[in-house]
Amino acid sequence: GDSWRLPTDEEWTNMVDKYGGADRAGDTNDGIAGYNALILNGNSEFAALLGGFHANCYFNSLGTFGGYWSITETSSSYRRCYNFDRGKLWRNGRINTHCLSVRCIHDK
């Protein structure tokens, strides 16, 4: 049926790698090409906005940082995400109580 959902970490990685990749531990890619392609006005079908994040009762980094959740959990407390920050794109895990932006996938 028709439904919307968060992408998996693998779906995020597939899209990011198509546009230059992200800075990941042990990888030689610096995440600049992926950032430039996937940010608003980049050359991809995604236009990341830098919506900041909310943690510990405060909103932070609006306009300078954009974090996007995946549905993939790394533990009961952490979830995989991709971060747009300081001209680079990188992947990590964040505690589930942080508020980040979302990218939705439409399944037909």
C-alpha atoms as a PDB file:
ATOM      1  CA  GLY A   1       0.000   0.000   0.000  1.00  0.00           C
ATOM      2  CA  ASP A   2       0.882   3.674  -0.028  1.00  0.00           C
ATOM      3  CA  SER A   3       2.850   4.668   3.055  1.00  0.00           C
ATOM      4  CA  TRP A   4       5.544   7.067   4.229  1.00  0.00           C
ATOM      5  CA  ARG A   5       8.472   6.008   6.402  1.00  0.00           C
ATOM      6  CA  LEU A   6      11.981   6.921   7.497  1.00  0.00           C
ATOM      7  CA  PRO A   7      14.775   5.520   5.326  1.00  0.00           C
ATOM      8  CA  THR A   8      17.040   2.782   6.600  1.00  0.00           C
ATOM      9  CA  ASP A   9      20.727   3.488   7.135  1.00  0.00           C
ATOM     10  CA  GLU A  10      21.417   1.445   3.982  1.00  0.00           C
ATOM     11  CA  GLU A  11      18.995   3.597   1.923  1.00  0.00           C
ATOM     12  CA  TRP A  12      20.670   6.767   3.212  1.00  0.00           C
ATOM     13  CA  THR A  13      24.122   5.355   2.430  1.00  0.00           C
ATOM     14  CA  ASN A  14      23.092   4.341  -1.102  1.00  0.00           C
ATOM     15  CA  MET A  15      21.834   7.868  -1.840  1.00  0.00           C
ATOM     16  CA  VAL A  16      24.829   9.569  -0.226  1.00  0.00           C
ATOM     17  CA  ASP A  17      27.342   7.348  -2.054  1.00  0.00           C
ATOM     18  CA  LYS A  18      25.660   8.157  -5.384  1.00  0.00           C
ATOM     19  CA  TYR A  19      26.477  11.837  -4.821  1.00  0.00           C
ATOM     20  CA  GLY A  20      30.048  11.678  -3.546  1.00  0.00           C
ATOM     21  CA  GLY A  21      29.793   9.975  -0.187  1.00  0.00           C
ATOM     22  CA  ALA A  22      30.190  10.976   3.431  1.00  0.00           C
ATOM     23  CA  ASP A  23      33.113  11.194   5.811  1.00  0.00           C
ATOM     24  CA  ARG A  24      33.156   7.820   7.596  1.00  0.00           C
ATOM     25  CA  ALA A  25      35.715   6.313   9.934  1.00  0.00           C
ATOM     26  CA  GLY A  26      38.391   4.466   7.970  1.00  0.00           C
ATOM     27  CA  ASP A  27      37.264   6.031   4.677  1.00  0.00           C
ATOM     28  CA  THR A  28      39.371   8.414   2.595  1.00  0.00           C
ATOM     29  CA  ASN A  29      36.308  10.408   1.497  1.00  0.00           C
ATOM     30  CA  ASP A  30      36.056  13.763   3.276  1.00  0.00           C
ATOM     31  CA  GLY A  31      32.289  14.236   2.792  1.00  0.00           C
ATOM     32  CA  ILE A  32      32.565  17.548   0.933  1.00  0.00           C
ATOM     33  CA  ALA A  33      31.193  16.311  -2.418  1.00  0.00           C
ATOM     34  CA  GLY A  34      28.241  14.586  -0.739  1.00  0.00           C
ATOM     35  CA  TYR A  35      27.455  17.708   1.282  1.00  0.00           C
ATOM     36  CA  ASN A  36      27.557  19.989  -1.773  1.00  0.00           C
ATOM     37  CA  ALA A  37      25.342  17.674  -3.854  1.00  0.00           C
ATOM     38  CA  LEU A  38      22.705  16.988  -1.204  1.00  0.00           C
ATOM     39  CA  ILE A  39      22.383  20.435   0.392  1.00  0.00           C
ATOM     40  CA  LEU A  40      19.680  22.901  -0.723  1.00  0.00           C
ATOM     41  CA  ASN A  41      20.531  24.072  -4.284  1.00  0.00           C
ATOM     42  CA  GLY A  42      22.857  21.081  -4.800  1.00  0.00           C
ATOM     43  CA  ASN A  43      22.764  18.837  -7.870  1.00  0.00           C
ATOM     44  CA  SER A  44      20.690  15.975  -6.439  1.00  0.00           C
ATOM     45  CA  GLU A  45      17.017  15.169  -5.958  1.00  0.00           C
ATOM     46  CA  PHE A  46      17.400  15.899  -2.217  1.00  0.00           C
ATOM     47  CA  ALA A  47      17.706  19.389  -0.723  1.00  0.00           C
ATOM     48  CA  ALA A  48      18.876  19.162   2.878  1.00  0.00           C
ATOM     49  CA  LEU A  49      18.001  22.074   5.112  1.00  0.00           C
ATOM     50  CA  LEU A  50      20.131  22.951   8.113  1.00  0.00           C
ATOM     51  CA  GLY A  51      17.421  22.672  10.752  1.00  0.00           C
ATOM     52  CA  GLY A  52      19.764  22.371  13.718  1.00  0.00           C
ATOM     53  CA  PHE A  53      18.893  19.980  16.525  1.00  0.00           C
ATOM     54  CA  HIS A  54      17.228  19.933  19.936  1.00  0.00           C
ATOM     55  CA  ALA A  55      18.943  18.363  22.929  1.00  0.00           C
ATOM     56  CA  ASN A  56      18.931  18.942  26.681  1.00  0.00           C
ATOM     57  CA  CYS A  57      16.035  21.434  26.456  1.00  0.00           C
ATOM     58  CA  TYR A  58      17.817  23.705  23.936  1.00  0.00           C
ATOM     59  CA  PHE A  59      17.634  24.294  20.194  1.00  0.00           C
ATOM     60  CA  ASN A  60      21.093  24.455  18.642  1.00  0.00           C
ATOM     61  CA  SER A  61      22.867  25.279  15.367  1.00  0.00           C
ATOM     62  CA  LEU A  62      19.897  26.387  13.249  1.00  0.00           C
ATOM     63  CA  GLY A  63      21.259  27.271   9.813  1.00  0.00           C
ATOM     64  CA  THR A  64      24.694  25.718  10.410  1.00  0.00           C
ATOM     65  CA  PHE A  65      23.922  22.044  11.160  1.00  0.00           C
ATOM     66  CA  GLY A  66      21.399  19.580   9.776  1.00  0.00           C
ATOM     67  CA  GLY A  67      20.990  16.105  11.217  1.00  0.00           C
ATOM     68  CA  TYR A  68      18.726  13.536   9.552  1.00  0.00           C
ATOM     69  CA  TRP A  69      17.488  10.325  11.183  1.00  0.00           C
ATOM     70  CA  SER A  70      17.388   6.867   9.720  1.00  0.00           C
ATOM     71  CA  ILE A  71      15.132   4.162  11.119  1.00  0.00           C
ATOM     72  CA  THR A  72      18.159   1.955  11.878  1.00  0.00           C
ATOM     73  CA  GLU A  73      18.945   1.535  15.569  1.00  0.00           C
ATOM     74  CA  THR A  74      22.498   0.800  16.701  1.00  0.00           C
ATOM     75  CA  SER A  75      21.326  -0.016  20.238  1.00  0.00           C
ATOM     76  CA  SER A  76      18.229   0.562  22.335  1.00  0.00           C
ATOM     77  CA  SER A  77      19.377   4.162  22.928  1.00  0.00           C
ATOM     78  CA  TYR A  78      21.104   5.150  19.669  1.00  0.00           C
ATOM     79  CA  ARG A  79      20.028   5.476  16.056  1.00  0.00           C
ATOM     80  CA  ARG A  80      22.026   6.025  12.838  1.00  0.00           C
ATOM     81  CA  CYS A  81      21.909   9.483  11.281  1.00  0.00           C
ATOM     82  CA  TYR A  82      23.604  11.631   8.661  1.00  0.00           C
ATOM     83  CA  ASN A  83      24.868  15.094   9.573  1.00  0.00           C
ATOM     84  CA  PHE A  84      25.422  18.154   7.377  1.00  0.00           C
ATOM     85  CA  ASP A  85      27.904  20.340   9.230  1.00  0.00           C
ATOM     86  CA  ARG A  86      30.669  22.832   8.350  1.00  0.00           C
ATOM     87  CA  GLY A  87      30.582  21.973   4.646  1.00  0.00           C
ATOM     88  CA  LYS A  88      30.887  18.218   5.201  1.00  0.00           C
ATOM     89  CA  LEU A  89      28.528  15.278   5.356  1.00  0.00           C
ATOM     90  CA  TRP A  90      29.181  12.565   7.932  1.00  0.00           C
ATOM     91  CA  ARG A  91      27.422   9.544   9.418  1.00  0.00           C
ATOM     92  CA  ASN A  92      27.182   8.584  13.061  1.00  0.00           C
ATOM     93  CA  GLY A  93      24.788   7.515  15.790  1.00  0.00           C
ATOM     94  CA  ARG A  94      22.922   9.819  18.143  1.00  0.00           C
ATOM     95  CA  ILE A  95      20.942   9.235  21.261  1.00  0.00           C
ATOM     96  CA  ASN A  96      17.256   8.719  20.465  1.00  0.00           C
ATOM     97  CA  THR A  97      16.140  11.670  22.612  1.00  0.00           C
ATOM     98  CA  HIS A  98      17.861  14.237  20.334  1.00  0.00           C
ATOM     99  CA  CYS A  99      15.481  15.907  17.900  1.00  0.00           C
ATOM    100  CA  LEU A 100      16.727  15.897  14.311  1.00  0.00           C
ATOM    101  CA  SER A 101      15.160  16.446  10.907  1.00  0.00           C
ATOM    102  CA  VAL A 102      13.696  13.591   8.873  1.00  0.00           C
ATOM    103  CA  ARG A 103      13.690  12.538   5.246  1.00  0.00           C
ATOM    104  CA  CYS A 104      10.627  10.480   4.345  1.00  0.00           C
ATOM    105  CA  ILE A 105      10.437   7.670   1.773  1.00  0.00           C
ATOM    106  CA  HIS A 106       7.176   6.986  -0.057  1.00  0.00           C
ATOM    107  CA  ASP A 107       6.475   3.323  -0.717  1.00  0.00           C
ATOM    108  CA  LYS A 108       4.004   2.637  -3.508  1.00  0.00           C
END
